[in-house]
Amino acid sequence: MSSLSIAPAFHPVSRTTVRLTRRGRLVVFLASLLVVLSVAIFWAATAVGTAEAGTPTAYDSWVVGDGETLGGIARATDSTVYELRELNHLTSASIMAGQTLRVPIAD
């Protein structure tokens, strides 16, 4: 009797794992750091500033009377509550009688 052997139709691919040496890990780290720094420098370079100074806001003083509100003062001075809060560094809209506020001068 004779035996017949048939070769497989495909050759199994051996799986190899990639191992990085200490130098390889250092190279990958430095390359990644270079990419991140390049992006950061490019992003920072797009910031635009001007050499011209801005115009400061002209303001007048307002002494708060009894019963006055920030909204009422804003209407009287043709400004907004937001402008008054920003100009006076207020964290809320509450004010007290006798308090001196800066109010913008209407043009």
PDB file of N, CA and C in Angstrom:
ATOM      1  N   MET A   1       0.798  -1.161   0.000  1.00  0.00           N
ATOM      2  CA  MET A   1       0.000   0.000   0.000  1.00  0.00           C
ATOM      3  C   MET A   1       0.851   1.239   0.000  1.00  0.00           C
ATOM      4  N   SER A   2       0.389   2.189  -0.709  1.00  0.00           N
ATOM      5  CA  SER A   2       1.124   3.439  -0.749  1.00  0.00           C
ATOM      6  C   SER A   2       0.308   4.516  -0.038  1.00  0.00           C
ATOM      7  N   SER A   3       0.995   5.460   0.523  1.00  0.00           N
ATOM      8  CA  SER A   3       0.287   6.553   1.208  1.00  0.00           C
ATOM      9  C   SER A   3       0.478   7.842   0.429  1.00  0.00           C
ATOM     10  N   LEU A   4      -0.518   8.640   0.426  1.00  0.00           N
ATOM     11  CA  LEU A   4      -0.504   9.898  -0.295  1.00  0.00           C
ATOM     12  C   LEU A   4      -0.647  11.014   0.744  1.00  0.00           C
ATOM     13  N   SER A   5       0.241  11.973   0.722  1.00  0.00           N
ATOM     14  CA  SER A   5       0.129  13.108   1.650  1.00  0.00           C
ATOM     15  C   SER A   5      -0.190  14.360   0.854  1.00  0.00           C
ATOM     16  N   ILE A   6      -1.100  15.156   1.369  1.00  0.00           N
ATOM     17  CA  ILE A   6      -1.519  16.391   0.700  1.00  0.00           C
ATOM     18  C   ILE A   6      -1.057  17.550   1.583  1.00  0.00           C
ATOM     19  N   ALA A   7      -0.420  18.505   0.929  1.00  0.00           N
ATOM     20  CA  ALA A   7       0.061  19.700   1.649  1.00  0.00           C
ATOM     21  C   ALA A   7      -1.112  20.622   1.937  1.00  0.00           C
ATOM     22  N   PRO A   8      -1.101  21.315   3.057  1.00  0.00           N
ATOM     23  CA  PRO A   8      -2.196  22.237   3.352  1.00  0.00           C
ATOM     24  C   PRO A   8      -2.274  23.339   2.308  1.00  0.00           C
ATOM     25  N   ALA A   9      -3.483  23.852   2.081  1.00  0.00           N
ATOM     26  CA  ALA A   9      -3.704  24.877   1.063  1.00  0.00           C
ATOM     27  C   ALA A   9      -3.196  26.246   1.501  1.00  0.00           C
ATOM     28  N   PHE A  10      -3.051  26.470   2.759  1.00  0.00           N
ATOM     29  CA  PHE A  10      -2.538  27.754   3.237  1.00  0.00           C
ATOM     30  C   PHE A  10      -1.431  27.493   4.238  1.00  0.00           C
ATOM     31  N   HIS A  11      -0.614  28.482   4.357  1.00  0.00           N
ATOM     32  CA  HIS A  11       0.474  28.387   5.323  1.00  0.00           C
ATOM     33  C   HIS A  11       0.112  29.265   6.509  1.00  0.00           C
ATOM     34  N   PRO A  12       0.038  28.727   7.664  1.00  0.00           N
ATOM     35  CA  PRO A  12      -0.313  29.561   8.814  1.00  0.00           C
ATOM     36  C   PRO A  12       0.751  30.625   9.047  1.00  0.00           C
ATOM     37  N   VAL A  13       0.280  31.831   9.321  1.00  0.00           N
ATOM     38  CA  VAL A  13       1.180  32.959   9.570  1.00  0.00           C
ATOM     39  C   VAL A  13       1.557  32.939  11.036  1.00  0.00           C
ATOM     40  N   SER A  14       2.824  32.982  11.260  1.00  0.00           N
ATOM     41  CA  SER A  14       3.261  33.016  12.652  1.00  0.00           C
ATOM     42  C   SER A  14       3.078  34.433  13.191  1.00  0.00           C
ATOM     43  N   ARG A  15       2.562  34.509  14.358  1.00  0.00           N
ATOM     44  CA  ARG A  15       2.326  35.816  14.967  1.00  0.00           C
ATOM     45  C   ARG A  15       3.590  36.229  15.712  1.00  0.00           C
ATOM     46  N   THR A  16       4.011  37.435  15.395  1.00  0.00           N
ATOM     47  CA  THR A  16       5.178  37.969  16.089  1.00  0.00           C
ATOM     48  C   THR A  16       4.726  39.179  16.891  1.00  0.00           C
ATOM     49  N   THR A  17       5.294  39.340  17.999  1.00  0.00           N
ATOM     50  CA  THR A  17       4.988  40.506  18.814  1.00  0.00           C
ATOM     51  C   THR A  17       6.133  41.493  18.673  1.00  0.00           C
ATOM     52  N   VAL A  18       5.771  42.752  18.660  1.00  0.00           N
ATOM     53  CA  VAL A  18       6.781  43.797  18.544  1.00  0.00           C
ATOM     54  C   VAL A  18       7.210  44.168  19.944  1.00  0.00           C
ATOM     55  N   ARG A  19       8.469  44.109  20.177  1.00  0.00           N
ATOM     56  CA  ARG A  19       9.009  44.484  21.473  1.00  0.00           C
ATOM     57  C   ARG A  19       9.948  45.658  21.283  1.00  0.00           C
ATOM     58  N   LEU A  20       9.740  46.661  22.106  1.00  0.00           N
ATOM     59  CA  LEU A  20      10.598  47.833  22.028  1.00  0.00           C
ATOM     60  C   LEU A  20      11.678  47.748  23.091  1.00  0.00           C
ATOM     61  N   THR A  21      12.834  48.089  22.674  1.00  0.00           N
ATOM     62  CA  THR A  21      13.935  48.153  23.632  1.00  0.00           C
ATOM     63  C   THR A  21      13.811  49.460  24.413  1.00  0.00           C
ATOM     64  N   ARG A  22      14.659  49.633  25.360  1.00  0.00           N
ATOM     65  CA  ARG A  22      14.655  50.871  26.139  1.00  0.00           C
ATOM     66  C   ARG A  22      14.906  52.066  25.222  1.00  0.00           C
ATOM     67  N   ARG A  23      15.834  51.927  24.288  1.00  0.00           N
ATOM     68  CA  ARG A  23      16.125  53.005  23.338  1.00  0.00           C
ATOM     69  C   ARG A  23      14.913  53.247  22.438  1.00  0.00           C
ATOM     70  N   GLY A  24      14.232  52.182  22.008  1.00  0.00           N
ATOM     71  CA  GLY A  24      13.047  52.330  21.164  1.00  0.00           C
ATOM     72  C   GLY A  24      11.927  53.065  21.884  1.00  0.00           C
ATOM     73  N   ARG A  25      11.708  52.735  23.144  1.00  0.00           N
ATOM     74  CA  ARG A  25      10.689  53.434  23.929  1.00  0.00           C
ATOM     75  C   ARG A  25      11.041  54.906  24.096  1.00  0.00           C
ATOM     76  N   LEU A  26      12.318  55.190  24.276  1.00  0.00           N
ATOM     77  CA  LEU A  26      12.761  56.583  24.398  1.00  0.00           C
ATOM     78  C   LEU A  26      12.516  57.331  23.097  1.00  0.00           C
ATOM     79  N   VAL A  27      12.799  56.699  21.967  1.00  0.00           N
ATOM     80  CA  VAL A  27      12.589  57.340  20.665  1.00  0.00           C
ATOM     81  C   VAL A  27      11.097  57.610  20.442  1.00  0.00           C
ATOM     82  N   VAL A  28      10.235  56.647  20.761  1.00  0.00           N
ATOM     83  CA  VAL A  28       8.792  56.838  20.597  1.00  0.00           C
ATOM     84  C   VAL A  28       8.301  57.953  21.514  1.00  0.00           C
ATOM     85  N   PHE A  29       8.776  57.984  22.742  1.00  0.00           N
ATOM     86  CA  PHE A  29       8.376  59.035  23.677  1.00  0.00           C
ATOM     87  C   PHE A  29       8.817  60.410  23.181  1.00  0.00           C
ATOM     88  N   LEU A  30      10.066  60.524  22.751  1.00  0.00           N
ATOM     89  CA  LEU A  30      10.564  61.821  22.279  1.00  0.00           C
ATOM     90  C   LEU A  30       9.852  62.265  21.003  1.00  0.00           C
ATOM     91  N   ALA A  31       9.536  61.331  20.119  1.00  0.00           N
ATOM     92  CA  ALA A  31       8.805  61.686  18.904  1.00  0.00           C
ATOM     93  C   ALA A  31       7.403  62.175  19.247  1.00  0.00           C
ATOM     94  N   SER A  32       6.751  61.518  20.189  1.00  0.00           N
ATOM     95  CA  SER A  32       5.413  61.951  20.622  1.00  0.00           C
ATOM     96  C   SER A  32       5.482  63.325  21.271  1.00  0.00           C
ATOM     97  N   LEU A  33       6.484  63.539  22.098  1.00  0.00           N
ATOM     98  CA  LEU A  33       6.656  64.833  22.749  1.00  0.00           C
ATOM     99  C   LEU A  33       6.903  65.927  21.720  1.00  0.00           C
ATOM    100  N   LEU A  34       7.674  65.625  20.701  1.00  0.00           N
ATOM    101  CA  LEU A  34       7.945  66.596  19.639  1.00  0.00           C
ATOM    102  C   LEU A  34       6.663  66.957  18.899  1.00  0.00           C
ATOM    103  N   VAL A  35       5.815  65.979  18.637  1.00  0.00           N
ATOM    104  CA  VAL A  35       4.550  66.260  17.949  1.00  0.00           C
ATOM    105  C   VAL A  35       3.660  67.141  18.823  1.00  0.00           C
ATOM    106  N   VAL A  36       3.546  66.826  20.104  1.00  0.00           N
ATOM    107  CA  VAL A  36       2.703  67.610  21.008  1.00  0.00           C
ATOM    108  C   VAL A  36       3.231  69.041  21.132  1.00  0.00           C
ATOM    109  N   LEU A  37       4.526  69.195  21.274  1.00  0.00           N
ATOM    110  CA  LEU A  37       5.099  70.542  21.379  1.00  0.00           C
ATOM    111  C   LEU A  37       4.922  71.327  20.086  1.00  0.00           C
ATOM    112  N   SER A  38       5.050  70.661  18.952  1.00  0.00           N
ATOM    113  CA  SER A  38       4.853  71.342  17.669  1.00  0.00           C
ATOM    114  C   SER A  38       3.423  71.848  17.534  1.00  0.00           C
ATOM    115  N   VAL A  39       2.463  71.027  17.928  1.00  0.00           N
ATOM    116  CA  VAL A  39       1.062  71.450  17.876  1.00  0.00           C
ATOM    117  C   VAL A  39       0.832  72.614  18.832  1.00  0.00           C
ATOM    118  N   ALA A  40       1.396  72.550  20.025  1.00  0.00           N
ATOM    119  CA  ALA A  40       1.214  73.628  21.008  1.00  0.00           C
ATOM    120  C   ALA A  40       1.827  74.934  20.513  1.00  0.00           C
ATOM    121  N   ILE A  41       2.992  74.866  19.915  1.00  0.00           N
ATOM    122  CA  ILE A  41       3.642  76.084  19.409  1.00  0.00           C
ATOM    123  C   ILE A  41       2.846  76.653  18.246  1.00  0.00           C
ATOM    124  N   PHE A  42       2.372  75.784  17.363  1.00  0.00           N
ATOM    125  CA  PHE A  42       1.564  76.251  16.233  1.00  0.00           C
ATOM    126  C   PHE A  42       0.292  76.917  16.728  1.00  0.00           C
ATOM    127  N   TRP A  43      -0.355  76.305  17.745  1.00  0.00           N
ATOM    128  CA  TRP A  43      -1.591  76.850  18.283  1.00  0.00           C
ATOM    129  C   TRP A  43      -1.336  78.191  18.964  1.00  0.00           C
ATOM    130  N   ALA A  44      -0.234  78.302  19.688  1.00  0.00           N
ATOM    131  CA  ALA A  44       0.080  79.556  20.381  1.00  0.00           C
ATOM    132  C   ALA A  44       0.465  80.650  19.397  1.00  0.00           C
ATOM    133  N   ALA A  45       1.032  80.275  18.264  1.00  0.00           N
ATOM    134  CA  ALA A  45       1.457  81.270  17.284  1.00  0.00           C
ATOM    135  C   ALA A  45       0.270  81.920  16.592  1.00  0.00           C
ATOM    136  N   THR A  46      -0.905  81.301  16.664  1.00  0.00           N
ATOM    137  CA  THR A  46      -2.070  81.883  16.017  1.00  0.00           C
ATOM    138  C   THR A  46      -2.737  82.953  16.866  1.00  0.00           C
ATOM    139  N   ALA A  47      -2.304  83.127  18.124  1.00  0.00           N
ATOM    140  CA  ALA A  47      -2.862  84.172  18.976  1.00  0.00           C
ATOM    141  C   ALA A  47      -2.446  85.524  18.436  1.00  0.00           C
ATOM    142  N   VAL A  48      -3.393  86.421  18.365  1.00  0.00           N
ATOM    143  CA  VAL A  48      -3.123  87.716  17.753  1.00  0.00           C
ATOM    144  C   VAL A  48      -3.346  88.811  18.787  1.00  0.00           C
ATOM    145  N   GLY A  49      -2.415  89.693  18.886  1.00  0.00           N
ATOM    146  CA  GLY A  49      -2.551  90.862  19.736  1.00  0.00           C
ATOM    147  C   GLY A  49      -2.279  92.102  18.901  1.00  0.00           C
ATOM    148  N   THR A  50      -2.676  93.231  19.388  1.00  0.00           N
ATOM    149  CA  THR A  50      -2.425  94.462  18.660  1.00  0.00           C
ATOM    150  C   THR A  50      -1.516  95.362  19.481  1.00  0.00           C
ATOM    151  N   ALA A  51      -0.851  96.237  18.800  1.00  0.00           N
ATOM    152  CA  ALA A  51       0.033  97.183  19.470  1.00  0.00           C
ATOM    153  C   ALA A  51      -0.748  98.398  19.966  1.00  0.00           C
ATOM    154  N   GLU A  52      -1.988  98.537  19.504  1.00  0.00           N
ATOM    155  CA  GLU A  52      -2.789  99.693  19.902  1.00  0.00           C
ATOM    156  C   GLU A  52      -3.437  99.435  21.260  1.00  0.00           C
ATOM    157  N   ALA A  53      -3.424 100.451  22.093  1.00  0.00           N
ATOM    158  CA  ALA A  53      -4.058 100.334  23.400  1.00  0.00           C
ATOM    159  C   ALA A  53      -5.558 100.518  23.251  1.00  0.00           C
ATOM    160  N   GLY A  54      -6.314  99.822  24.073  1.00  0.00           N
ATOM    161  CA  GLY A  54      -7.763  99.984  24.060  1.00  0.00           C
ATOM    162  C   GLY A  54      -8.160 101.291  24.712  1.00  0.00           C
ATOM    163  N   THR A  55      -9.379 101.714  24.454  1.00  0.00           N
ATOM    164  CA  THR A  55      -9.849 102.955  25.063  1.00  0.00           C
ATOM    165  C   THR A  55     -10.489 102.628  26.408  1.00  0.00           C
ATOM    166  N   PRO A  56     -10.053 103.278  27.460  1.00  0.00           N
ATOM    167  CA  PRO A  56     -10.639 103.004  28.771  1.00  0.00           C
ATOM    168  C   PRO A  56     -12.071 103.555  28.838  1.00  0.00           C
ATOM    169  N   THR A  57     -12.887 102.905  29.639  1.00  0.00           N
ATOM    170  CA  THR A  57     -14.269 103.347  29.809  1.00  0.00           C
ATOM    171  C   THR A  57     -14.306 104.551  30.741  1.00  0.00           C
ATOM    172  N   ALA A  58     -14.942 105.613  30.290  1.00  0.00           N
ATOM    173  CA  ALA A  58     -15.112 106.789  31.138  1.00  0.00           C
ATOM    174  C   ALA A  58     -16.267 106.516  32.091  1.00  0.00           C
ATOM    175  N   TYR A  59     -16.086 106.849  33.346  1.00  0.00           N
ATOM    176  CA  TYR A  59     -17.135 106.568  34.312  1.00  0.00           C
ATOM    177  C   TYR A  59     -17.295 107.725  35.295  1.00  0.00           C
ATOM    178  N   ASP A  60     -18.444 107.721  35.941  1.00  0.00           N
ATOM    179  CA  ASP A  60     -18.782 108.709  36.948  1.00  0.00           C
ATOM    180  C   ASP A  60     -19.154 107.950  38.224  1.00  0.00           C
ATOM    181  N   SER A  61     -19.221 108.632  39.336  1.00  0.00           N
ATOM    182  CA  SER A  61     -19.581 107.991  40.602  1.00  0.00           C
ATOM    183  C   SER A  61     -21.067 108.152  40.867  1.00  0.00           C
ATOM    184  N   TRP A  62     -21.668 107.140  41.495  1.00  0.00           N
ATOM    185  CA  TRP A  62     -23.089 107.155  41.854  1.00  0.00           C
ATOM    186  C   TRP A  62     -23.199 106.623  43.272  1.00  0.00           C
ATOM    187  N   VAL A  63     -23.777 107.406  44.162  1.00  0.00           N
ATOM    188  CA  VAL A  63     -24.002 106.965  45.534  1.00  0.00           C
ATOM    189  C   VAL A  63     -25.403 106.367  45.584  1.00  0.00           C
ATOM    190  N   VAL A  64     -25.493 105.119  46.012  1.00  0.00           N
ATOM    191  CA  VAL A  64     -26.762 104.396  46.042  1.00  0.00           C
ATOM    192  C   VAL A  64     -27.643 104.964  47.148  1.00  0.00           C
ATOM    193  N   GLY A  65     -28.877 105.303  46.780  1.00  0.00           N
ATOM    194  CA  GLY A  65     -29.841 105.820  47.747  1.00  0.00           C
ATOM    195  C   GLY A  65     -30.723 104.700  48.283  1.00  0.00           C
ATOM    196  N   ASP A  66     -31.559 105.037  49.275  1.00  0.00           N
ATOM    197  CA  ASP A  66     -32.475 104.054  49.859  1.00  0.00           C
ATOM    198  C   ASP A  66     -33.448 103.558  48.793  1.00  0.00           C
ATOM    199  N   GLY A  67     -33.620 102.253  48.699  1.00  0.00           N
ATOM    200  CA  GLY A  67     -34.580 101.662  47.781  1.00  0.00           C
ATOM    201  C   GLY A  67     -34.119 101.560  46.339  1.00  0.00           C
ATOM    202  N   GLU A  68     -32.935 102.030  46.029  1.00  0.00           N
ATOM    203  CA  GLU A  68     -32.456 101.937  44.642  1.00  0.00           C
ATOM    204  C   GLU A  68     -31.957 100.519  44.358  1.00  0.00           C
ATOM    205  N   THR A  69     -32.161 100.108  43.134  1.00  0.00           N
ATOM    206  CA  THR A  69     -31.692  98.788  42.703  1.00  0.00           C
ATOM    207  C   THR A  69     -30.681  98.965  41.581  1.00  0.00           C
ATOM    208  N   LEU A  70     -29.952  97.911  41.323  1.00  0.00           N
ATOM    209  CA  LEU A  70     -28.968  97.956  40.243  1.00  0.00           C
ATOM    210  C   LEU A  70     -29.664  98.129  38.899  1.00  0.00           C
ATOM    211  N   GLY A  71     -30.841  97.519  38.749  1.00  0.00           N
ATOM    212  CA  GLY A  71     -31.604  97.681  37.512  1.00  0.00           C
ATOM    213  C   GLY A  71     -32.077  99.107  37.314  1.00  0.00           C
ATOM    214  N   GLY A  72     -32.519  99.747  38.399  1.00  0.00           N
ATOM    215  CA  GLY A  72     -32.956 101.138  38.312  1.00  0.00           C
ATOM    216  C   GLY A  72     -31.811 102.075  37.974  1.00  0.00           C
ATOM    217  N   ILE A  73     -30.663 101.835  38.570  1.00  0.00           N
ATOM    218  CA  ILE A  73     -29.489 102.661  38.267  1.00  0.00           C
ATOM    219  C   ILE A  73     -29.062 102.444  36.820  1.00  0.00           C
ATOM    220  N   ALA A  74     -29.146 101.191  36.353  1.00  0.00           N
ATOM    221  CA  ALA A  74     -28.792 100.902  34.968  1.00  0.00           C
ATOM    222  C   ALA A  74     -29.716 101.632  34.007  1.00  0.00           C
ATOM    223  N   ARG A  75     -31.020 101.655  34.280  1.00  0.00           N
ATOM    224  CA  ARG A  75     -31.959 102.379  33.414  1.00  0.00           C
ATOM    225  C   ARG A  75     -31.686 103.881  33.445  1.00  0.00           C
ATOM    226  N   ALA A  76     -31.357 104.413  34.625  1.00  0.00           N
ATOM    227  CA  ALA A  76     -31.125 105.848  34.761  1.00  0.00           C
ATOM    228  C   ALA A  76     -29.851 106.288  34.055  1.00  0.00           C
ATOM    229  N   THR A  77     -28.893 105.391  33.925  1.00  0.00           N
ATOM    230  CA  THR A  77     -27.607 105.765  33.322  1.00  0.00           C
ATOM    231  C   THR A  77     -27.434 105.216  31.909  1.00  0.00           C
ATOM    232  N   ASP A  78     -28.493 104.682  31.322  1.00  0.00           N
ATOM    233  CA  ASP A  78     -28.447 104.095  29.974  1.00  0.00           C
ATOM    234  C   ASP A  78     -27.355 103.039  29.854  1.00  0.00           C
ATOM    235  N   SER A  79     -27.287 102.151  30.833  1.00  0.00           N
ATOM    236  CA  SER A  79     -26.334 101.046  30.793  1.00  0.00           C
ATOM    237  C   SER A  79     -27.084  99.770  31.138  1.00  0.00           C
ATOM    238  N   THR A  80     -26.365  98.697  31.303  1.00  0.00           N
ATOM    239  CA  THR A  80     -26.993  97.424  31.676  1.00  0.00           C
ATOM    240  C   THR A  80     -26.492  96.993  33.044  1.00  0.00           C
ATOM    241  N   VAL A  81     -27.259  96.077  33.657  1.00  0.00           N
ATOM    242  CA  VAL A  81     -26.855  95.546  34.956  1.00  0.00           C
ATOM    243  C   VAL A  81     -25.508  94.828  34.810  1.00  0.00           C
ATOM    244  N   TYR A  82     -25.336  94.112  33.694  1.00  0.00           N
ATOM    245  CA  TYR A  82     -24.075  93.408  33.456  1.00  0.00           C
ATOM    246  C   TYR A  82     -22.897  94.386  33.423  1.00  0.00           C
ATOM    247  N   GLU A  83     -23.064  95.521  32.734  1.00  0.00           N
ATOM    248  CA  GLU A  83     -21.992  96.526  32.677  1.00  0.00           C
ATOM    249  C   GLU A  83     -21.655  97.054  34.066  1.00  0.00           C
ATOM    250  N   LEU A  84     -22.681  97.328  34.854  1.00  0.00           N
ATOM    251  CA  LEU A  84     -22.448  97.851  36.207  1.00  0.00           C
ATOM    252  C   LEU A  84     -21.750  96.816  37.085  1.00  0.00           C
ATOM    253  N   ARG A  85     -22.169  95.552  36.961  1.00  0.00           N
ATOM    254  CA  ARG A  85     -21.529  94.501  37.755  1.00  0.00           C
ATOM    255  C   ARG A  85     -20.070  94.327  37.356  1.00  0.00           C
ATOM    256  N   GLU A  86     -19.775  94.362  36.050  1.00  0.00           N
ATOM    257  CA  GLU A  86     -18.392  94.218  35.592  1.00  0.00           C
ATOM    258  C   GLU A  86     -17.535  95.416  36.003  1.00  0.00           C
ATOM    259  N   LEU A  87     -18.066  96.605  35.852  1.00  0.00           N
ATOM    260  CA  LEU A  87     -17.320  97.830  36.165  1.00  0.00           C
ATOM    261  C   LEU A  87     -17.015  97.947  37.656  1.00  0.00           C
ATOM    262  N   ASN A  88     -17.921  97.425  38.499  1.00  0.00           N
ATOM    263  CA  ASN A  88     -17.745  97.533  39.953  1.00  0.00           C
ATOM    264  C   ASN A  88     -17.293  96.236  40.603  1.00  0.00           C
ATOM    265  N   HIS A  89     -17.007  95.218  39.799  1.00  0.00           N
ATOM    266  CA  HIS A  89     -16.536  93.920  40.295  1.00  0.00           C
ATOM    267  C   HIS A  89     -17.505  93.336  41.320  1.00  0.00           C
ATOM    268  N   LEU A  90     -18.786  93.354  40.979  1.00  0.00           N
ATOM    269  CA  LEU A  90     -19.818  92.809  41.859  1.00  0.00           C
ATOM    270  C   LEU A  90     -20.081  91.353  41.501  1.00  0.00           C
ATOM    271  N   THR A  91     -20.234  90.510  42.520  1.00  0.00           N
ATOM    272  CA  THR A  91     -20.524  89.098  42.267  1.00  0.00           C
ATOM    273  C   THR A  91     -22.025  88.828  42.216  1.00  0.00           C
ATOM    274  N   SER A  92     -22.834  89.782  42.688  1.00  0.00           N
ATOM    275  CA  SER A  92     -24.287  89.634  42.621  1.00  0.00           C
ATOM    276  C   SER A  92     -24.890  91.009  42.342  1.00  0.00           C
ATOM    277  N   ALA A  93     -26.204  91.041  42.198  1.00  0.00           N
ATOM    278  CA  ALA A  93     -26.876  92.299  41.891  1.00  0.00           C
ATOM    279  C   ALA A  93     -27.313  93.037  43.156  1.00  0.00           C
ATOM    280  N   SER A  94     -26.919  92.560  44.329  1.00  0.00           N
ATOM    281  CA  SER A  94     -27.339  93.231  45.562  1.00  0.00           C
ATOM    282  C   SER A  94     -26.386  94.379  45.877  1.00  0.00           C
ATOM    283  N   ILE A  95     -26.988  95.506  46.204  1.00  0.00           N
ATOM    284  CA  ILE A  95     -26.222  96.700  46.583  1.00  0.00           C
ATOM    285  C   ILE A  95     -26.849  97.268  47.856  1.00  0.00           C
ATOM    286  N   MET A  96     -26.099  98.131  48.524  1.00  0.00           N
ATOM    287  CA  MET A  96     -26.586  98.709  49.780  1.00  0.00           C
ATOM    288  C   MET A  96     -26.616 100.225  49.667  1.00  0.00           C
ATOM    289  N   ALA A  97     -27.523 100.836  50.414  1.00  0.00           N
ATOM    290  CA  ALA A  97     -27.629 102.293  50.441  1.00  0.00           C
ATOM    291  C   ALA A  97     -26.324 102.879  50.976  1.00  0.00           C
ATOM    292  N   GLY A  98     -25.859 103.931  50.338  1.00  0.00           N
ATOM    293  CA  GLY A  98     -24.615 104.586  50.737  1.00  0.00           C
ATOM    294  C   GLY A  98     -23.398 104.059  49.992  1.00  0.00           C
ATOM    295  N   GLN A  99     -23.561 102.957  49.273  1.00  0.00           N
ATOM    296  CA  GLN A  99     -22.459 102.378  48.514  1.00  0.00           C
ATOM    297  C   GLN A  99     -22.178 103.250  47.294  1.00  0.00           C
ATOM    298  N   THR A 100     -20.911 103.475  46.998  1.00  0.00           N
ATOM    299  CA  THR A 100     -20.536 104.261  45.827  1.00  0.00           C
ATOM    300  C   THR A 100     -20.203 103.314  44.683  1.00  0.00           C
ATOM    301  N   LEU A 101     -20.875 103.533  43.548  1.00  0.00           N
ATOM    302  CA  LEU A 101     -20.669 102.712  42.362  1.00  0.00           C
ATOM    303  C   LEU A 101     -20.084 103.545  41.239  1.00  0.00           C
ATOM    304  N   ARG A 102     -19.357 102.891  40.377  1.00  0.00           N
ATOM    305  CA  ARG A 102     -18.920 103.528  39.144  1.00  0.00           C
ATOM    306  C   ARG A 102     -19.978 103.253  38.089  1.00  0.00           C
ATOM    307  N   VAL A 103     -20.382 104.274  37.384  1.00  0.00           N
ATOM    308  CA  VAL A 103     -21.351 104.112  36.290  1.00  0.00           C
ATOM    309  C   VAL A 103     -20.752 104.708  35.021  1.00  0.00           C
ATOM    310  N   PRO A 104     -20.946 104.048  33.873  1.00  0.00           N
ATOM    311  CA  PRO A 104     -20.373 104.572  32.646  1.00  0.00           C
ATOM    312  C   PRO A 104     -21.048 105.879  32.229  1.00  0.00           C
ATOM    313  N   ILE A 105     -20.267 106.777  31.675  1.00  0.00           N
ATOM    314  CA  ILE A 105     -20.794 108.053  31.192  1.00  0.00           C
ATOM    315  C   ILE A 105     -21.365 107.809  29.805  1.00  0.00           C
ATOM    316  N   ALA A 106     -22.626 108.190  29.608  1.00  0.00           N
ATOM    317  CA  ALA A 106     -23.288 108.002  28.310  1.00  0.00           C
ATOM    318  C   ALA A 106     -22.677 108.971  27.301  1.00  0.00           C
ATOM    319  N   ASP A 107     -22.453 108.451  26.088  1.00  0.00           N
ATOM    320  CA  ASP A 107     -21.882 109.292  25.020  1.00  0.00           C
ATOM    321  C   ASP A 107     -22.928 110.177  24.396  1.00  0.00           C
TER     322      ASP A 107
END
